[in-house]
Amino acid sequence: MENVAQVVAPVEVERKPARSLRVNPGFVRGTLSLIGAAALWEIAGRTFMSNPLFFAPLSAVLAKIGSLWASGALPNDIAISLEEFVCGFVLATIAGIAIGVLMASSKPLCQVVDPWVSMLYATPFVAIAPLLTLWLGIGLTAHIAVVFIVVIFPVLINTHVGLVNSDRDLMEVARSFGATQAQIFAKIRFPGALPYIVAGLRQGIARGLVGVVVAELFGSHAGLGYLILISGQEFDPAGLLAGILLFALAGWGSVEAVRLIEHRMAPWRALDNAS
């Protein structure tokens, strides 16, 4: 019998290299661009655009934001504008996606609705805001209606285009395997249209924030748009630029939130963007 007591050579365990901290180059470039823009803003406000009646450096704008926040006026303005934007944007998103799906599912319905979409989308919404104020009264309802009108069309059009341009080959393969229309829509058409829908949402965010400003120019007593209006009338560049800066930050944050939702709903899109 062989001797059971054998010398066993030690097994070397392969050590995995320690993970190094990876910095996203896109994040670095974006951060550097923001820092550079802030520096140029401050330098311009203190050198060749130093007249306080026409411009204000970034430090003065931040100081204005701090004073408005300490007085309690800015939190109230932000809350009002945020409520108008969120309500109008959510309602427009739901309605835009629903109508876009119906238009893509029914050609006769699309032929009826499409001319109205083209005409209303080309209508200057600045001219509609005073009418909505007259019809709906001064208050939250009219402002939400303005945001709704300016947001719904980018979402609707992009949803319709994305669904119409679905991959025909994939749909034929799915039909050959006995997939129903509901399964084709859930597994092929809607995921394929998701990038278009996200693009429409990003356009809707920009237009919706502009809609908040326009709505608050008519019959409003609070809000970031009202802050911009009053600051302009009082020749206060720091207050005016403070409102603009807050709208810009709101737009950036909203777009990043939409991008995060897209990554959760379509993780393959995140992999494609990363590659």
C-alpha atoms as a PDB file:
ATOM      1  CA  MET A   1       0.000   0.000   0.000  1.00  0.00           C
ATOM      2  CA  GLU A   2       1.147   3.429  -0.768  1.00  0.00           C
ATOM      3  CA  ASN A   3       2.091   5.573   2.121  1.00  0.00           C
ATOM      4  CA  VAL A   4      -0.787   7.901   2.859  1.00  0.00           C
ATOM      5  CA  ALA A   5       1.501  10.364   4.485  1.00  0.00           C
ATOM      6  CA  GLN A   6       2.738  12.260   1.516  1.00  0.00           C
ATOM      7  CA  VAL A   7       4.346  15.580   1.387  1.00  0.00           C
ATOM      8  CA  VAL A   8       1.964  17.956  -0.250  1.00  0.00           C
ATOM      9  CA  ALA A   9       3.442  20.997  -1.886  1.00  0.00           C
ATOM     10  CA  PRO A  10       1.930  24.227  -0.621  1.00  0.00           C
ATOM     11  CA  VAL A  11      -0.641  25.675  -2.960  1.00  0.00           C
ATOM     12  CA  GLU A  12       0.035  29.251  -3.879  1.00  0.00           C
ATOM     13  CA  VAL A  13      -3.076  31.347  -3.695  1.00  0.00           C
ATOM     14  CA  GLU A  14      -3.289  33.858  -6.474  1.00  0.00           C
ATOM     15  CA  ARG A  15      -3.659  37.277  -4.995  1.00  0.00           C
ATOM     16  CA  LYS A  16      -5.900  39.658  -6.782  1.00  0.00           C
ATOM     17  CA  PRO A  17      -4.416  43.057  -7.297  1.00  0.00           C
ATOM     18  CA  ALA A  18      -5.886  45.705  -5.071  1.00  0.00           C
ATOM     19  CA  ARG A  19      -8.463  47.821  -6.769  1.00  0.00           C
ATOM     20  CA  SER A  20      -7.129  51.209  -7.517  1.00  0.00           C
ATOM     21  CA  LEU A  21      -9.349  54.227  -7.187  1.00  0.00           C
ATOM     22  CA  ARG A  22     -10.580  55.041 -10.668  1.00  0.00           C
ATOM     23  CA  VAL A  23     -11.599  58.562 -11.420  1.00  0.00           C
ATOM     24  CA  ASN A  24     -14.128  59.128 -14.181  1.00  0.00           C
ATOM     25  CA  PRO A  25     -12.437  61.355 -16.784  1.00  0.00           C
ATOM     26  CA  GLY A  26     -15.790  62.824 -17.787  1.00  0.00           C
ATOM     27  CA  PHE A  27     -16.480  63.875 -14.199  1.00  0.00           C
ATOM     28  CA  VAL A  28     -13.041  65.477 -13.956  1.00  0.00           C
ATOM     29  CA  ARG A  29     -13.511  67.402 -17.200  1.00  0.00           C
ATOM     30  CA  GLY A  30     -16.956  68.593 -16.147  1.00  0.00           C
ATOM     31  CA  THR A  31     -15.704  69.696 -12.740  1.00  0.00           C
ATOM     32  CA  LEU A  32     -12.759  71.558 -14.248  1.00  0.00           C
ATOM     33  CA  SER A  33     -15.038  73.304 -16.732  1.00  0.00           C
ATOM     34  CA  LEU A  34     -17.310  74.477 -13.909  1.00  0.00           C
ATOM     35  CA  ILE A  35     -14.358  75.702 -11.855  1.00  0.00           C
ATOM     36  CA  GLY A  36     -12.988  77.543 -14.884  1.00  0.00           C
ATOM     37  CA  ALA A  37     -16.352  79.168 -15.612  1.00  0.00           C
ATOM     38  CA  ALA A  38     -16.691  80.245 -11.966  1.00  0.00           C
ATOM     39  CA  ALA A  39     -13.201  81.761 -12.032  1.00  0.00           C
ATOM     40  CA  LEU A  40     -13.899  83.647 -15.274  1.00  0.00           C
ATOM     41  CA  TRP A  41     -17.206  84.886 -13.832  1.00  0.00           C
ATOM     42  CA  GLU A  42     -15.465  86.225 -10.734  1.00  0.00           C
ATOM     43  CA  ILE A  43     -12.612  87.820 -12.703  1.00  0.00           C
ATOM     44  CA  ALA A  44     -15.012  89.464 -15.185  1.00  0.00           C
ATOM     45  CA  GLY A  45     -17.123  90.869 -12.355  1.00  0.00           C
ATOM     46  CA  ARG A  46     -14.089  92.438 -10.719  1.00  0.00           C
ATOM     47  CA  THR A  47     -12.271  93.782 -13.791  1.00  0.00           C
ATOM     48  CA  PHE A  48     -13.812  94.866 -17.081  1.00  0.00           C
ATOM     49  CA  MET A  49     -17.455  94.314 -15.946  1.00  0.00           C
ATOM     50  CA  SER A  50     -17.144  95.822 -12.479  1.00  0.00           C
ATOM     51  CA  ASN A  51     -20.106  98.190 -12.768  1.00  0.00           C
ATOM     52  CA  PRO A  52     -22.632  96.886 -10.164  1.00  0.00           C
ATOM     53  CA  LEU A  53     -25.554  98.186 -12.220  1.00  0.00           C
ATOM     54  CA  PHE A  54     -24.778  95.824 -15.125  1.00  0.00           C
ATOM     55  CA  PHE A  55     -23.054  92.773 -13.663  1.00  0.00           C
ATOM     56  CA  ALA A  56     -22.099  91.087 -10.388  1.00  0.00           C
ATOM     57  CA  PRO A  57     -19.223  88.727  -9.592  1.00  0.00           C
ATOM     58  CA  LEU A  58     -19.944  85.212  -8.430  1.00  0.00           C
ATOM     59  CA  SER A  59     -19.019  86.058  -4.841  1.00  0.00           C
ATOM     60  CA  ALA A  60     -21.653  88.814  -4.773  1.00  0.00           C
ATOM     61  CA  VAL A  61     -24.247  86.440  -6.245  1.00  0.00           C
ATOM     62  CA  LEU A  62     -23.491  83.805  -3.609  1.00  0.00           C
ATOM     63  CA  ALA A  63     -23.692  86.459  -0.912  1.00  0.00           C
ATOM     64  CA  LYS A  64     -27.083  87.522  -2.286  1.00  0.00           C
ATOM     65  CA  ILE A  65     -28.280  83.924  -2.184  1.00  0.00           C
ATOM     66  CA  GLY A  66     -27.123  83.677   1.434  1.00  0.00           C
ATOM     67  CA  SER A  67     -28.913  86.849   2.466  1.00  0.00           C
ATOM     68  CA  LEU A  68     -32.135  85.829   0.702  1.00  0.00           C
ATOM     69  CA  TRP A  69     -31.975  82.410   2.342  1.00  0.00           C
ATOM     70  CA  ALA A  70     -31.393  83.915   5.781  1.00  0.00           C
ATOM     71  CA  SER A  71     -34.392  86.206   5.343  1.00  0.00           C
ATOM     72  CA  GLY A  72     -36.629  83.251   4.462  1.00  0.00           C
ATOM     73  CA  ALA A  73     -37.651  84.642   1.080  1.00  0.00           C
ATOM     74  CA  LEU A  74     -35.516  82.279  -1.007  1.00  0.00           C
ATOM     75  CA  PRO A  75     -36.781  79.004   0.513  1.00  0.00           C
ATOM     76  CA  ASN A  76     -40.341  80.152  -0.156  1.00  0.00           C
ATOM     77  CA  ASP A  77     -39.493  81.100  -3.760  1.00  0.00           C
ATOM     78  CA  ILE A  78     -37.759  77.762  -4.362  1.00  0.00           C
ATOM     79  CA  ALA A  79     -40.680  75.800  -2.894  1.00  0.00           C
ATOM     80  CA  ILE A  80     -43.235  77.597  -5.079  1.00  0.00           C
ATOM     81  CA  SER A  81     -41.249  77.249  -8.310  1.00  0.00           C
ATOM     82  CA  LEU A  82     -40.423  73.624  -7.514  1.00  0.00           C
ATOM     83  CA  GLU A  83     -44.087  72.788  -6.944  1.00  0.00           C
ATOM     84  CA  GLU A  84     -45.084  74.399 -10.243  1.00  0.00           C
ATOM     85  CA  PHE A  85     -42.337  72.615 -12.171  1.00  0.00           C
ATOM     86  CA  VAL A  86     -42.784  69.159 -10.637  1.00  0.00           C
ATOM     87  CA  CYS A  87     -46.584  69.131 -11.005  1.00  0.00           C
ATOM     88  CA  GLY A  88     -46.515  70.388 -14.592  1.00  0.00           C
ATOM     89  CA  PHE A  89     -43.610  68.148 -15.610  1.00  0.00           C
ATOM     90  CA  VAL A  90     -45.055  64.950 -14.133  1.00  0.00           C
ATOM     91  CA  LEU A  91     -48.497  65.525 -15.657  1.00  0.00           C
ATOM     92  CA  ALA A  92     -46.976  66.394 -19.047  1.00  0.00           C
ATOM     93  CA  THR A  93     -44.715  63.322 -18.945  1.00  0.00           C
ATOM     94  CA  ILE A  94     -47.609  60.968 -18.241  1.00  0.00           C
ATOM     95  CA  ALA A  95     -49.843  62.559 -20.874  1.00  0.00           C
ATOM     96  CA  GLY A  96     -47.052  62.861 -23.466  1.00  0.00           C
ATOM     97  CA  ILE A  97     -45.976  59.224 -23.188  1.00  0.00           C
ATOM     98  CA  ALA A  98     -49.593  58.002 -23.218  1.00  0.00           C
ATOM     99  CA  ILE A  99     -50.547  60.025 -26.310  1.00  0.00           C
ATOM    100  CA  GLY A 100     -47.291  59.050 -28.044  1.00  0.00           C
ATOM    101  CA  VAL A 101     -48.055  55.373 -27.440  1.00  0.00           C
ATOM    102  CA  LEU A 102     -51.591  55.787 -28.798  1.00  0.00           C
ATOM    103  CA  MET A 103     -50.346  57.608 -31.895  1.00  0.00           C
ATOM    104  CA  ALA A 104     -47.769  54.885 -32.567  1.00  0.00           C
ATOM    105  CA  SER A 105     -50.391  52.159 -32.080  1.00  0.00           C
ATOM    106  CA  SER A 106     -53.086  53.623 -34.352  1.00  0.00           C
ATOM    107  CA  LYS A 107     -52.286  55.153 -37.716  1.00  0.00           C
ATOM    108  CA  PRO A 108     -55.754  56.788 -38.158  1.00  0.00           C
ATOM    109  CA  LEU A 109     -55.441  58.377 -34.706  1.00  0.00           C
ATOM    110  CA  CYS A 110     -51.942  59.587 -35.582  1.00  0.00           C
ATOM    111  CA  GLN A 111     -53.238  61.189 -38.777  1.00  0.00           C
ATOM    112  CA  VAL A 112     -55.885  63.053 -36.761  1.00  0.00           C
ATOM    113  CA  VAL A 113     -53.652  64.197 -33.891  1.00  0.00           C
ATOM    114  CA  ASP A 114     -50.395  64.915 -35.750  1.00  0.00           C
ATOM    115  CA  PRO A 115     -51.489  68.243 -37.372  1.00  0.00           C
ATOM    116  CA  TRP A 116     -52.631  69.558 -33.993  1.00  0.00           C
ATOM    117  CA  VAL A 117     -49.340  68.560 -32.401  1.00  0.00           C
ATOM    118  CA  SER A 118     -47.389  70.371 -35.119  1.00  0.00           C
ATOM    119  CA  MET A 119     -49.474  73.544 -34.814  1.00  0.00           C
ATOM    120  CA  LEU A 120     -49.532  73.704 -31.020  1.00  0.00           C
ATOM    121  CA  TYR A 121     -45.837  72.880 -30.719  1.00  0.00           C
ATOM    122  CA  ALA A 122     -45.017  75.850 -32.960  1.00  0.00           C
ATOM    123  CA  THR A 123     -47.262  78.210 -30.998  1.00  0.00           C
ATOM    124  CA  PRO A 124     -45.250  80.742 -28.928  1.00  0.00           C
ATOM    125  CA  PHE A 125     -46.049  79.782 -25.342  1.00  0.00           C
ATOM    126  CA  VAL A 126     -45.097  83.280 -24.140  1.00  0.00           C
ATOM    127  CA  ALA A 127     -48.314  84.489 -25.759  1.00  0.00           C
ATOM    128  CA  ILE A 128     -50.324  81.684 -24.146  1.00  0.00           C
ATOM    129  CA  ALA A 129     -49.287  82.438 -20.561  1.00  0.00           C
ATOM    130  CA  PRO A 130     -51.371  85.646 -20.194  1.00  0.00           C
ATOM    131  CA  LEU A 131     -54.416  83.881 -21.639  1.00  0.00           C
ATOM    132  CA  LEU A 132     -54.061  80.980 -19.221  1.00  0.00           C
ATOM    133  CA  THR A 133     -53.797  83.475 -16.373  1.00  0.00           C
ATOM    134  CA  LEU A 134     -57.061  85.086 -17.530  1.00  0.00           C
ATOM    135  CA  TRP A 135     -58.807  81.733 -17.961  1.00  0.00           C
ATOM    136  CA  LEU A 136     -57.523  79.928 -14.852  1.00  0.00           C
ATOM    137  CA  GLY A 137     -56.918  82.897 -12.576  1.00  0.00           C
ATOM    138  CA  ILE A 138     -53.816  84.069 -10.766  1.00  0.00           C
ATOM    139  CA  GLY A 139     -52.286  81.197  -8.891  1.00  0.00           C
ATOM    140  CA  LEU A 140     -50.770  77.758  -9.013  1.00  0.00           C
ATOM    141  CA  THR A 141     -53.170  76.238 -11.556  1.00  0.00           C
ATOM    142  CA  ALA A 142     -52.293  78.653 -14.350  1.00  0.00           C
ATOM    143  CA  HIS A 143     -48.561  78.224 -13.739  1.00  0.00           C
ATOM    144  CA  ILE A 144     -48.823  74.429 -13.805  1.00  0.00           C
ATOM    145  CA  ALA A 145     -50.798  74.693 -17.047  1.00  0.00           C
ATOM    146  CA  VAL A 146     -48.016  76.741 -18.678  1.00  0.00           C
ATOM    147  CA  VAL A 147     -45.381  74.201 -17.662  1.00  0.00           C
ATOM    148  CA  PHE A 148     -47.635  71.360 -18.854  1.00  0.00           C
ATOM    149  CA  ILE A 149     -48.112  72.889 -22.291  1.00  0.00           C
ATOM    150  CA  VAL A 150     -44.428  73.542 -22.937  1.00  0.00           C
ATOM    151  CA  VAL A 151     -43.269  70.112 -21.680  1.00  0.00           C
ATOM    152  CA  ILE A 152     -45.820  67.752 -23.218  1.00  0.00           C
ATOM    153  CA  PHE A 153     -44.873  68.184 -26.873  1.00  0.00           C
ATOM    154  CA  PRO A 154     -41.155  67.228 -26.705  1.00  0.00           C
ATOM    155  CA  VAL A 155     -42.080  64.156 -24.663  1.00  0.00           C
ATOM    156  CA  LEU A 156     -44.955  63.220 -26.980  1.00  0.00           C
ATOM    157  CA  ILE A 157     -43.001  63.669 -30.207  1.00  0.00           C
ATOM    158  CA  ASN A 158     -39.926  61.775 -29.007  1.00  0.00           C
ATOM    159  CA  THR A 159     -42.054  58.930 -27.649  1.00  0.00           C
ATOM    160  CA  HIS A 160     -43.897  58.608 -30.945  1.00  0.00           C
ATOM    161  CA  VAL A 161     -40.707  58.707 -33.014  1.00  0.00           C
ATOM    162  CA  GLY A 162     -39.015  56.130 -30.812  1.00  0.00           C
ATOM    163  CA  LEU A 163     -41.918  53.689 -31.026  1.00  0.00           C
ATOM    164  CA  VAL A 164     -42.378  54.140 -34.771  1.00  0.00           C
ATOM    165  CA  ASN A 165     -38.677  53.427 -35.408  1.00  0.00           C
ATOM    166  CA  SER A 166     -38.701  50.114 -33.563  1.00  0.00           C
ATOM    167  CA  ASP A 167     -36.471  47.352 -34.927  1.00  0.00           C
ATOM    168  CA  ARG A 168     -38.619  45.551 -37.508  1.00  0.00           C
ATOM    169  CA  ASP A 169     -36.384  42.490 -37.621  1.00  0.00           C
ATOM    170  CA  LEU A 170     -36.669  41.918 -33.880  1.00  0.00           C
ATOM    171  CA  MET A 171     -40.421  42.340 -34.059  1.00  0.00           C
ATOM    172  CA  GLU A 172     -40.700  39.775 -36.864  1.00  0.00           C
ATOM    173  CA  VAL A 173     -38.576  37.292 -34.933  1.00  0.00           C
ATOM    174  CA  ALA A 174     -40.748  37.806 -31.851  1.00  0.00           C
ATOM    175  CA  ARG A 175     -43.914  37.241 -33.898  1.00  0.00           C
ATOM    176  CA  SER A 176     -42.469  34.060 -35.375  1.00  0.00           C
ATOM    177  CA  PHE A 177     -42.014  32.726 -31.847  1.00  0.00           C
ATOM    178  CA  GLY A 178     -45.629  33.529 -31.016  1.00  0.00           C
ATOM    179  CA  ALA A 179     -45.159  36.718 -29.015  1.00  0.00           C
ATOM    180  CA  THR A 180     -48.267  38.808 -28.468  1.00  0.00           C
ATOM    181  CA  GLN A 181     -48.515  42.519 -29.249  1.00  0.00           C
ATOM    182  CA  ALA A 182     -48.289  43.325 -25.548  1.00  0.00           C
ATOM    183  CA  GLN A 183     -45.111  41.258 -25.207  1.00  0.00           C
ATOM    184  CA  ILE A 184     -43.579  42.879 -28.291  1.00  0.00           C
ATOM    185  CA  PHE A 185     -44.348  46.309 -26.891  1.00  0.00           C
ATOM    186  CA  ALA A 186     -42.970  45.502 -23.425  1.00  0.00           C
ATOM    187  CA  LYS A 187     -39.840  43.644 -24.569  1.00  0.00           C
ATOM    188  CA  ILE A 188     -38.894  45.333 -27.854  1.00  0.00           C
ATOM    189  CA  ARG A 189     -40.712  48.535 -28.736  1.00  0.00           C
ATOM    190  CA  PHE A 190     -40.690  50.391 -25.422  1.00  0.00           C
ATOM    191  CA  PRO A 191     -37.084  49.482 -24.461  1.00  0.00           C
ATOM    192  CA  GLY A 192     -35.992  50.510 -27.955  1.00  0.00           C
ATOM    193  CA  ALA A 193     -37.815  53.825 -27.627  1.00  0.00           C
ATOM    194  CA  LEU A 194     -36.409  54.554 -24.178  1.00  0.00           C
ATOM    195  CA  PRO A 195     -33.451  56.653 -25.443  1.00  0.00           C
ATOM    196  CA  TYR A 196     -35.887  58.801 -27.453  1.00  0.00           C
ATOM    197  CA  ILE A 197     -38.156  59.208 -24.433  1.00  0.00           C
ATOM    198  CA  VAL A 198     -35.227  60.231 -22.233  1.00  0.00           C
ATOM    199  CA  ALA A 199     -34.168  62.769 -24.862  1.00  0.00           C
ATOM    200  CA  GLY A 200     -37.699  64.170 -24.816  1.00  0.00           C
ATOM    201  CA  LEU A 201     -37.631  64.381 -21.028  1.00  0.00           C
ATOM    202  CA  ARG A 202     -34.343  66.280 -21.115  1.00  0.00           C
ATOM    203  CA  GLN A 203     -35.803  68.734 -23.610  1.00  0.00           C
ATOM    204  CA  GLY A 204     -38.910  68.981 -21.464  1.00  0.00           C
ATOM    205  CA  ILE A 205     -36.844  69.849 -18.397  1.00  0.00           C
ATOM    206  CA  ALA A 206     -35.258  72.819 -20.148  1.00  0.00           C
ATOM    207  CA  ARG A 207     -38.542  74.021 -21.582  1.00  0.00           C
ATOM    208  CA  GLY A 208     -40.354  73.436 -18.286  1.00  0.00           C
ATOM    209  CA  LEU A 209     -37.909  75.597 -16.329  1.00  0.00           C
ATOM    210  CA  VAL A 210     -38.319  78.362 -18.898  1.00  0.00           C
ATOM    211  CA  GLY A 211     -42.074  77.876 -18.583  1.00  0.00           C
ATOM    212  CA  VAL A 212     -41.847  78.450 -14.823  1.00  0.00           C
ATOM    213  CA  VAL A 213     -40.102  81.774 -15.420  1.00  0.00           C
ATOM    214  CA  VAL A 214     -42.635  82.857 -18.048  1.00  0.00           C
ATOM    215  CA  ALA A 215     -45.588  81.813 -15.879  1.00  0.00           C
ATOM    216  CA  GLU A 216     -44.291  83.754 -12.882  1.00  0.00           C
ATOM    217  CA  LEU A 217     -43.900  86.908 -14.939  1.00  0.00           C
ATOM    218  CA  PHE A 218     -47.699  87.214 -15.037  1.00  0.00           C
ATOM    219  CA  GLY A 219     -49.673  87.637 -11.834  1.00  0.00           C
ATOM    220  CA  SER A 220     -47.178  86.122  -9.427  1.00  0.00           C
ATOM    221  CA  HIS A 221     -46.007  87.345  -6.027  1.00  0.00           C
ATOM    222  CA  ALA A 222     -43.338  84.716  -5.308  1.00  0.00           C
ATOM    223  CA  GLY A 223     -41.070  82.224  -7.041  1.00  0.00           C
ATOM    224  CA  LEU A 224     -37.663  82.302  -8.676  1.00  0.00           C
ATOM    225  CA  GLY A 225     -39.134  83.798 -11.841  1.00  0.00           C
ATOM    226  CA  TYR A 226     -40.667  86.568  -9.751  1.00  0.00           C
ATOM    227  CA  LEU A 227     -37.253  87.078  -8.115  1.00  0.00           C
ATOM    228  CA  ILE A 228     -35.693  87.529 -11.557  1.00  0.00           C
ATOM    229  CA  LEU A 229     -38.445  89.963 -12.584  1.00  0.00           C
ATOM    230  CA  ILE A 230     -38.187  92.114  -9.453  1.00  0.00           C
ATOM    231  CA  SER A 231     -34.382  92.098  -9.498  1.00  0.00           C
ATOM    232  CA  GLY A 232     -34.395  93.301 -13.101  1.00  0.00           C
ATOM    233  CA  GLN A 233     -36.837  96.083 -12.332  1.00  0.00           C
ATOM    234  CA  GLU A 234     -34.757  97.174  -9.334  1.00  0.00           C
ATOM    235  CA  PHE A 235     -31.452  97.048 -11.270  1.00  0.00           C
ATOM    236  CA  ASP A 236     -30.110  94.357  -8.969  1.00  0.00           C
ATOM    237  CA  PRO A 237     -27.800  92.141 -11.072  1.00  0.00           C
ATOM    238  CA  ALA A 238     -26.835  90.030  -8.066  1.00  0.00           C
ATOM    239  CA  GLY A 239     -30.452  89.027  -7.398  1.00  0.00           C
ATOM    240  CA  LEU A 240     -31.157  88.500 -11.091  1.00  0.00           C
ATOM    241  CA  LEU A 241     -28.079  86.298 -11.576  1.00  0.00           C
ATOM    242  CA  ALA A 242     -28.922  84.451  -8.351  1.00  0.00           C
ATOM    243  CA  GLY A 243     -32.265  83.405  -9.821  1.00  0.00           C
ATOM    244  CA  ILE A 244     -30.649  82.411 -13.118  1.00  0.00           C
ATOM    245  CA  LEU A 245     -27.954  80.405 -11.329  1.00  0.00           C
ATOM    246  CA  LEU A 246     -30.535  78.525  -9.264  1.00  0.00           C
ATOM    247  CA  PHE A 247     -32.521  77.671 -12.402  1.00  0.00           C
ATOM    248  CA  ALA A 248     -29.321  76.430 -14.069  1.00  0.00           C
ATOM    249  CA  LEU A 249     -28.501  74.229 -11.074  1.00  0.00           C
ATOM    250  CA  ALA A 250     -32.079  72.921 -11.048  1.00  0.00           C
ATOM    251  CA  GLY A 251     -31.781  72.005 -14.712  1.00  0.00           C
ATOM    252  CA  TRP A 252     -28.507  70.178 -14.165  1.00  0.00           C
ATOM    253  CA  GLY A 253     -29.878  68.277 -11.167  1.00  0.00           C
ATOM    254  CA  SER A 254     -33.067  67.315 -13.004  1.00  0.00           C
ATOM    255  CA  VAL A 255     -31.157  66.015 -16.034  1.00  0.00           C
ATOM    256  CA  GLU A 256     -28.888  63.936 -13.787  1.00  0.00           C
ATOM    257  CA  ALA A 257     -31.957  62.506 -12.043  1.00  0.00           C
ATOM    258  CA  VAL A 258     -33.471  61.521 -15.405  1.00  0.00           C
ATOM    259  CA  ARG A 259     -30.152  59.949 -16.410  1.00  0.00           C
ATOM    260  CA  LEU A 260     -30.113  57.923 -13.188  1.00  0.00           C
ATOM    261  CA  ILE A 261     -33.637  56.694 -13.844  1.00  0.00           C
ATOM    262  CA  GLU A 262     -32.601  55.692 -17.372  1.00  0.00           C
ATOM    263  CA  HIS A 263     -29.661  53.686 -15.992  1.00  0.00           C
ATOM    264  CA  ARG A 264     -32.008  51.890 -13.601  1.00  0.00           C
ATOM    265  CA  MET A 265     -34.582  51.121 -16.301  1.00  0.00           C
ATOM    266  CA  ALA A 266     -32.058  50.335 -19.057  1.00  0.00           C
ATOM    267  CA  PRO A 267     -28.725  49.232 -17.524  1.00  0.00           C
ATOM    268  CA  TRP A 268     -27.414  48.255 -20.963  1.00  0.00           C
ATOM    269  CA  ARG A 269     -27.490  51.927 -21.901  1.00  0.00           C
ATOM    270  CA  ALA A 270     -25.081  52.678 -19.048  1.00  0.00           C
ATOM    271  CA  LEU A 271     -22.717  50.000 -20.352  1.00  0.00           C
ATOM    272  CA  ASP A 272     -22.889  51.411 -23.871  1.00  0.00           C
ATOM    273  CA  ASN A 273     -22.131  54.914 -22.627  1.00  0.00           C
ATOM    274  CA  ALA A 274     -19.278  53.655 -20.486  1.00  0.00           C
ATOM    275  CA  SER A 275     -17.694  51.887 -23.434  1.00  0.00           C
END
